Amino acid sequence: MAKGKSTALHGPATPATAVLDAAGVSYVARPYAHDPSSSSYGLEAAEALGVEPERVFKTLVIDLGGEGSAKLCVAVVPVSGSLDLKAAAAAFGAKKAAMADRGAAERRTGYVLGGISPLGQRQPSPTAIDASALEHESILVSGGRRGFDIELSPADLVRLTKASVVRLRSA
C-alpha cells in the first residue's frame, strides 16, 4: 500500500489522515460520491468503492454507563453484520451496552454520524475491533467525513487506536 498524503485528490486533511501521516502509516485514501439519501453509510461505501462489505468497517460509539452517567467506547465492526451489544459490553468489562446518543457520539469524536472514524477523534475512547478485521490484508474505515474512507492494514489500526481485538459482530 502506498503511503497516503493529504492532497487535493481526496480533499483537505481530516484528523484521521493527520494521525496516519504523523505516524508514517501507509494508507490509501478512498473518496466516493456520497448519496445523502443513503440509509447505510457503510454499505453505500462498499458498493461505491467496489469492495466486499466484509472489508469495510463501521465505527460505532456505544454507551456503557448506567443511569445518568455515560461511559463512551468505540466498537469497529464490518458493515456486513451487526454489533453484538452483549459482546461489546463484555469486551469493555461492563454488564451492558447501548448505542450512544447521536449528539454525544458526535461531540465525543468531533465527527458527524456516517463519518465517524476510529482515528483522530476529538476525545479518544477505549476501542475494540472485531476479530474478523485480522482476516484481511487491508480494511476500510471512515476517513472522517461522509464519502471518504481510508484503506489500511488492520494491524496499523489496532496499534494506532490501542484497540483490543475481540469478536463483536452478531452471529
Protein backbone atom coordinates (compact mmCIF):
# COMPACT_ATOMS: atom_id res chain seq x y z
CA MET A 1 0.00 0.00 0.00
CA ALA A 2 1.40 3.40 -0.89
CA LYS A 3 1.72 5.98 1.81
CA GLY A 4 -1.16 8.41 1.55
CA LYS A 5 -0.82 12.14 1.91
CA SER A 6 -3.39 14.85 2.17
CA THR A 7 -3.87 16.11 -1.36
CA ALA A 8 -6.50 17.78 -3.46
CA LEU A 9 -7.27 14.28 -4.74
CA HIS A 10 -9.26 13.49 -1.62
CA GLY A 11 -9.80 16.97 -0.26
CA PRO A 12 -8.41 18.60 2.83
CA ALA A 13 -6.81 16.57 5.57
CA THR A 14 -9.04 15.19 8.28
CA PRO A 15 -7.95 14.46 11.85
CA ALA A 16 -7.84 10.77 10.81
CA THR A 17 -5.46 11.36 7.89
CA ALA A 18 -3.36 13.68 10.06
CA VAL A 19 -2.88 10.85 12.58
CA LEU A 20 -1.86 8.45 9.82
CA ASP A 21 0.51 10.94 8.21
CA ALA A 22 2.13 11.81 11.56
CA ALA A 23 2.62 8.11 12.34
CA GLY A 24 4.08 7.41 8.88
CA VAL A 25 1.46 4.73 8.27
CA SER A 26 0.74 3.58 4.72
CA TYR A 27 -2.87 4.01 3.66
CA VAL A 28 -4.97 4.64 0.59
CA ALA A 29 -7.50 7.48 0.52
CA ARG A 30 -10.75 6.14 -0.95
CA PRO A 31 -13.18 9.01 -1.68
CA TYR A 32 -16.56 8.31 -3.25
CA ALA A 33 -19.69 10.26 -4.12
CA HIS A 34 -21.89 10.11 -1.02
CA ASP A 35 -25.65 9.94 -1.58
CA PRO A 36 -27.38 11.92 1.22
CA SER A 37 -30.46 9.69 0.90
CA SER A 38 -28.47 6.52 1.65
CA SER A 39 -29.70 4.67 4.74
CA SER A 40 -26.50 2.67 5.33
CA TYR A 41 -23.27 4.65 5.08
CA GLY A 42 -21.05 1.57 5.27
CA LEU A 43 -22.88 -0.49 2.66
CA GLU A 44 -23.00 2.59 0.43
CA ALA A 45 -19.20 2.87 0.73
CA ALA A 46 -18.67 -0.81 -0.05
CA GLU A 47 -20.83 -0.60 -3.16
CA ALA A 48 -19.42 2.72 -4.38
CA LEU A 49 -15.84 1.55 -3.90
CA GLY A 50 -16.41 -1.96 -5.27
CA VAL A 51 -15.17 -3.58 -2.06
CA GLU A 52 -16.58 -6.63 -0.26
CA PRO A 53 -18.71 -5.45 2.70
CA GLU A 54 -16.68 -7.78 4.97
CA ARG A 55 -13.66 -5.48 4.43
CA VAL A 56 -15.49 -2.22 5.15
CA PHE A 57 -15.81 -1.47 8.86
CA LYS A 58 -18.15 0.93 10.63
CA THR A 59 -17.23 2.86 13.75
CA LEU A 60 -19.94 2.75 16.39
CA VAL A 61 -19.95 4.70 19.64
CA ILE A 62 -21.51 2.78 22.48
CA ASP A 63 -22.52 3.78 25.99
CA LEU A 64 -21.61 1.50 28.89
CA GLY A 65 -22.91 3.91 31.54
CA GLY A 66 -25.70 3.24 33.91
CA GLU A 67 -28.44 5.57 35.00
CA GLY A 68 -27.44 9.17 34.35
CA SER A 69 -23.78 8.54 33.55
CA ALA A 70 -22.20 7.87 30.20
CA LYS A 71 -19.06 5.86 29.59
CA LEU A 72 -18.47 6.02 25.86
CA CYS A 73 -16.43 3.44 23.99
CA VAL A 74 -15.86 2.62 20.32
CA ALA A 75 -16.67 -0.64 18.54
CA VAL A 76 -15.42 -1.23 14.99
CA VAL A 77 -17.32 -3.93 13.10
CA PRO A 78 -17.81 -4.97 9.47
CA VAL A 79 -20.72 -3.28 7.70
CA SER A 80 -21.86 -6.73 6.58
CA GLY A 81 -23.01 -7.51 10.13
CA SER A 82 -24.40 -6.03 13.29
CA LEU A 83 -22.77 -5.22 16.59
CA ASP A 84 -23.47 -7.73 19.37
CA LEU A 85 -24.05 -5.36 22.29
CA LYS A 86 -23.50 -8.13 24.87
CA ALA A 87 -20.14 -8.98 23.31
CA ALA A 88 -19.23 -5.28 23.24
CA ALA A 89 -20.13 -4.87 26.91
CA ALA A 90 -18.01 -7.90 27.79
CA ALA A 91 -15.08 -6.57 25.74
CA PHE A 92 -15.01 -3.48 27.95
CA GLY A 93 -15.77 -5.29 31.22
CA ALA A 94 -19.29 -3.89 31.50
CA LYS A 95 -22.61 -5.55 32.24
CA LYS A 96 -24.48 -3.98 29.35
CA ALA A 97 -24.05 -1.65 26.40
CA ALA A 98 -26.34 0.52 24.32
CA MET A 99 -25.78 2.66 21.27
CA ALA A 100 -24.66 6.13 22.33
CA ASP A 101 -26.84 9.13 21.70
CA ARG A 102 -26.03 10.68 18.31
CA GLY A 103 -25.18 14.07 19.84
CA ALA A 104 -22.92 12.51 22.48
CA ALA A 105 -21.12 10.45 19.82
CA GLU A 106 -20.57 13.49 17.60
CA ARG A 107 -19.36 15.68 20.49
CA ARG A 108 -17.02 12.99 21.77
CA THR A 109 -15.46 12.16 18.40
CA GLY A 110 -15.63 15.51 16.61
CA TYR A 111 -17.12 13.75 13.58
CA VAL A 112 -20.65 13.60 12.18
CA LEU A 113 -22.64 10.37 12.12
CA GLY A 114 -21.76 8.45 8.97
CA GLY A 115 -18.27 9.96 9.02
CA ILE A 116 -17.02 8.85 12.44
CA SER A 117 -13.51 7.49 12.14
CA PRO A 118 -11.81 5.38 14.79
CA LEU A 119 -8.74 7.60 14.21
CA GLY A 120 -8.21 11.24 15.17
CA GLN A 121 -11.17 11.54 17.49
CA ARG A 122 -11.50 14.75 19.50
CA GLN A 123 -11.54 12.72 22.71
CA PRO A 124 -10.19 9.20 22.15
CA SER A 125 -12.24 6.41 23.71
CA PRO A 126 -11.43 2.81 24.61
CA THR A 127 -11.73 0.89 21.36
CA ALA A 128 -12.43 -2.70 20.35
CA ILE A 129 -12.18 -4.03 16.80
CA ASP A 130 -13.95 -7.14 15.57
CA ALA A 131 -11.50 -10.02 15.20
CA SER A 132 -12.58 -10.56 11.58
CA ALA A 133 -10.51 -7.49 10.65
CA LEU A 134 -7.35 -9.57 11.04
CA GLU A 135 -8.55 -11.96 8.32
CA HIS A 136 -7.85 -9.28 5.70
CA GLU A 137 -4.63 -7.74 4.40
CA SER A 138 -6.36 -4.35 4.42
CA ILE A 139 -9.68 -2.96 5.63
CA LEU A 140 -11.54 0.29 5.08
CA VAL A 141 -12.81 2.65 7.78
CA SER A 142 -14.24 6.14 7.61
CA GLY A 143 -11.65 8.78 6.88
CA GLY A 144 -13.51 11.37 8.94
CA ARG A 145 -16.29 12.54 6.69
CA ARG A 146 -19.12 11.05 4.68
CA GLY A 147 -17.93 9.91 1.27
CA PHE A 148 -14.34 9.34 2.35
CA ASP A 149 -12.86 6.04 3.52
CA ILE A 150 -9.30 5.06 4.34
CA GLU A 151 -7.82 1.69 3.43
CA LEU A 152 -5.13 0.48 5.79
CA SER A 153 -3.68 -2.56 7.49
CA PRO A 154 -5.83 -3.83 10.36
CA ALA A 155 -2.66 -4.18 12.45
CA ASP A 156 -1.93 -0.47 11.99
CA LEU A 157 -5.50 0.41 13.01
CA VAL A 158 -5.22 -1.75 16.14
CA ARG A 159 -1.88 -0.17 17.07
CA LEU A 160 -2.93 3.44 16.50
CA THR A 161 -6.24 3.10 18.37
CA LYS A 162 -4.73 0.89 21.11
CA ALA A 163 -7.70 -1.39 20.48
CA SER A 164 -8.50 -4.79 21.83
CA VAL A 165 -9.37 -7.37 19.16
CA VAL A 166 -12.40 -9.49 20.02
CA ARG A 167 -15.48 -10.94 18.38
CA LEU A 168 -18.04 -8.10 18.31
CA ARG A 169 -20.41 -8.90 15.48
CA SER A 170 -23.64 -10.81 15.86
CA ALA A 171 -23.61 -14.39 14.67
